[in-house]
Amino acid sequence: MPADATAYGWREAGFSVSAFGSVRSGLDERWPRLVPFFEGMYLSFESTMPPPVERAFPPAHLRRLRELKRRYDPTGLFRDNFFIDPAG
């Protein structure tokens, strides 16, 4: 499937990294140091609020999604889980 055929953009990734921890484990403090080494993310795994949609979608994908939001959901009715701002 062509990379630009769907909204999800990181299909060529060879692996996915996820981590589980607690406040005591210090994971929340350590995770941001790893983020610069990653490309992309899967929003359902992200625990920060609000989720950073700019990391979740490649730029061309996000532009297309924002255009669809402007056209079909300009008021943001469908904003649960993560919100794609039509204005950018």
C-alpha atoms as a PDB file:
ATOM      1  CA  MET A   1       0.000   0.000   0.000  1.00  0.00           C
ATOM      2  CA  PRO A   2       1.437   3.420  -0.881  1.00  0.00           C
ATOM      3  CA  ALA A   3       2.552   5.448   2.154  1.00  0.00           C
ATOM      4  CA  ASP A   4       0.206   8.298   1.271  1.00  0.00           C
ATOM      5  CA  ALA A   5      -2.878   6.088   0.761  1.00  0.00           C
ATOM      6  CA  THR A   6      -3.905   6.159   4.438  1.00  0.00           C
ATOM      7  CA  ALA A   7      -3.718   8.526   7.392  1.00  0.00           C
ATOM      8  CA  TYR A   8      -1.215   6.392   9.282  1.00  0.00           C
ATOM      9  CA  GLY A   9       2.216   7.270   8.025  1.00  0.00           C
ATOM     10  CA  TRP A  10       4.940   5.223   9.661  1.00  0.00           C
ATOM     11  CA  ARG A  11       4.309   1.918   7.879  1.00  0.00           C
ATOM     12  CA  GLU A  12       7.964   1.400   6.960  1.00  0.00           C
ATOM     13  CA  ALA A  13       9.082   1.305  10.615  1.00  0.00           C
ATOM     14  CA  GLY A  14      10.970  -1.828  11.498  1.00  0.00           C
ATOM     15  CA  PHE A  15       9.910  -1.846  15.135  1.00  0.00           C
ATOM     16  CA  SER A  16       7.826  -0.110  17.784  1.00  0.00           C
ATOM     17  CA  VAL A  17       9.023   0.914  21.240  1.00  0.00           C
ATOM     18  CA  SER A  18       6.739   1.144  24.240  1.00  0.00           C
ATOM     19  CA  ALA A  19       7.462   1.269  27.941  1.00  0.00           C
ATOM     20  CA  PHE A  20       5.415   0.726  31.054  1.00  0.00           C
ATOM     21  CA  GLY A  21       6.236   2.133  34.435  1.00  0.00           C
ATOM     22  CA  SER A  22       4.962   3.883  37.485  1.00  0.00           C
ATOM     23  CA  VAL A  23       5.612   7.231  39.068  1.00  0.00           C
ATOM     24  CA  ARG A  24       8.174   5.556  41.318  1.00  0.00           C
ATOM     25  CA  SER A  25      10.032   4.033  38.374  1.00  0.00           C
ATOM     26  CA  GLY A  26      10.963   7.467  37.013  1.00  0.00           C
ATOM     27  CA  LEU A  27       9.838   6.552  33.499  1.00  0.00           C
ATOM     28  CA  ASP A  28       8.072   9.901  33.005  1.00  0.00           C
ATOM     29  CA  GLU A  29      11.383  11.650  33.681  1.00  0.00           C
ATOM     30  CA  ARG A  30      13.483   9.363  31.477  1.00  0.00           C
ATOM     31  CA  TRP A  31      11.209   8.910  28.449  1.00  0.00           C
ATOM     32  CA  PRO A  32      11.645  12.473  27.059  1.00  0.00           C
ATOM     33  CA  ARG A  33      15.381  11.800  26.711  1.00  0.00           C
ATOM     34  CA  LEU A  34      14.614   8.936  24.301  1.00  0.00           C
ATOM     35  CA  VAL A  35      12.037  10.746  22.150  1.00  0.00           C
ATOM     36  CA  PRO A  36      14.602  12.598  19.959  1.00  0.00           C
ATOM     37  CA  PHE A  37      15.862   9.223  18.730  1.00  0.00           C
ATOM     38  CA  PHE A  38      12.422   8.137  17.487  1.00  0.00           C
ATOM     39  CA  GLU A  39      10.537   9.044  14.347  1.00  0.00           C
ATOM     40  CA  GLY A  40       6.760   9.056  14.509  1.00  0.00           C
ATOM     41  CA  MET A  41       4.470   7.643  17.130  1.00  0.00           C
ATOM     42  CA  TYR A  42       1.203   5.770  17.478  1.00  0.00           C
ATOM     43  CA  LEU A  43      -1.340   7.965  19.246  1.00  0.00           C
ATOM     44  CA  SER A  44      -3.162   5.200  21.090  1.00  0.00           C
ATOM     45  CA  PHE A  45       0.052   4.423  22.977  1.00  0.00           C
ATOM     46  CA  GLU A  46       0.863   8.019  23.957  1.00  0.00           C
ATOM     47  CA  SER A  47       0.016   8.961  27.538  1.00  0.00           C
ATOM     48  CA  THR A  48       0.717  12.692  27.428  1.00  0.00           C
ATOM     49  CA  MET A  49      -2.208  15.089  27.196  1.00  0.00           C
ATOM     50  CA  PRO A  50      -2.802  16.470  24.673  1.00  0.00           C
ATOM     51  CA  PRO A  51      -1.056  14.026  22.374  1.00  0.00           C
ATOM     52  CA  PRO A  52       1.430  15.614  19.975  1.00  0.00           C
ATOM     53  CA  VAL A  53      -0.245  14.996  16.602  1.00  0.00           C
ATOM     54  CA  GLU A  54       2.742  16.592  14.834  1.00  0.00           C
ATOM     55  CA  ARG A  55       4.815  13.547  15.845  1.00  0.00           C
ATOM     56  CA  ALA A  56       2.073  11.082  14.985  1.00  0.00           C
ATOM     57  CA  PHE A  57       1.662  11.990  11.317  1.00  0.00           C
ATOM     58  CA  PRO A  58       4.214  12.844   8.625  1.00  0.00           C
ATOM     59  CA  PRO A  59       3.782  16.476   7.449  1.00  0.00           C
ATOM     60  CA  ALA A  60       2.010  15.619   4.179  1.00  0.00           C
ATOM     61  CA  HIS A  61      -0.403  13.287   5.979  1.00  0.00           C
ATOM     62  CA  LEU A  62      -1.196  15.909   8.609  1.00  0.00           C
ATOM     63  CA  ARG A  63      -1.847  18.540   5.924  1.00  0.00           C
ATOM     64  CA  ARG A  64      -4.353  16.214   4.242  1.00  0.00           C
ATOM     65  CA  LEU A  65      -6.030  15.388   7.553  1.00  0.00           C
ATOM     66  CA  ARG A  66      -6.331  19.080   8.422  1.00  0.00           C
ATOM     67  CA  GLU A  67      -7.864  19.770   5.023  1.00  0.00           C
ATOM     68  CA  LEU A  68     -10.419  17.019   5.646  1.00  0.00           C
ATOM     69  CA  LYS A  69     -11.157  18.494   9.084  1.00  0.00           C
ATOM     70  CA  ARG A  70     -11.675  21.957   7.554  1.00  0.00           C
ATOM     71  CA  ARG A  71     -14.033  20.481   4.992  1.00  0.00           C
ATOM     72  CA  TYR A  72     -16.019  17.980   7.085  1.00  0.00           C
ATOM     73  CA  ASP A  73     -15.536  18.893  10.767  1.00  0.00           C
ATOM     74  CA  PRO A  74     -14.609  22.584  11.058  1.00  0.00           C
ATOM     75  CA  THR A  75     -16.125  22.891  14.556  1.00  0.00           C
ATOM     76  CA  GLY A  76     -14.167  19.930  15.976  1.00  0.00           C
ATOM     77  CA  LEU A  77     -17.150  17.756  16.840  1.00  0.00           C
ATOM     78  CA  PHE A  78     -14.975  14.649  16.412  1.00  0.00           C
ATOM     79  CA  ARG A  79     -12.229  15.542  18.876  1.00  0.00           C
ATOM     80  CA  ASP A  80     -12.120  12.570  21.248  1.00  0.00           C
ATOM     81  CA  ASN A  81      -8.949  10.496  21.608  1.00  0.00           C
ATOM     82  CA  PHE A  82      -6.831  13.144  19.878  1.00  0.00           C
ATOM     83  CA  PHE A  83      -7.694  16.420  18.218  1.00  0.00           C
ATOM     84  CA  ILE A  84      -6.458  17.515  14.816  1.00  0.00           C
ATOM     85  CA  ASP A  85      -6.890  21.267  14.683  1.00  0.00           C
ATOM     86  CA  PRO A  86      -8.285  22.206  11.261  1.00  0.00           C
ATOM     87  CA  ALA A  87      -6.441  25.527  11.408  1.00  0.00           C
ATOM     88  CA  GLY A  88      -3.095  23.913  12.080  1.00  0.00           C
END
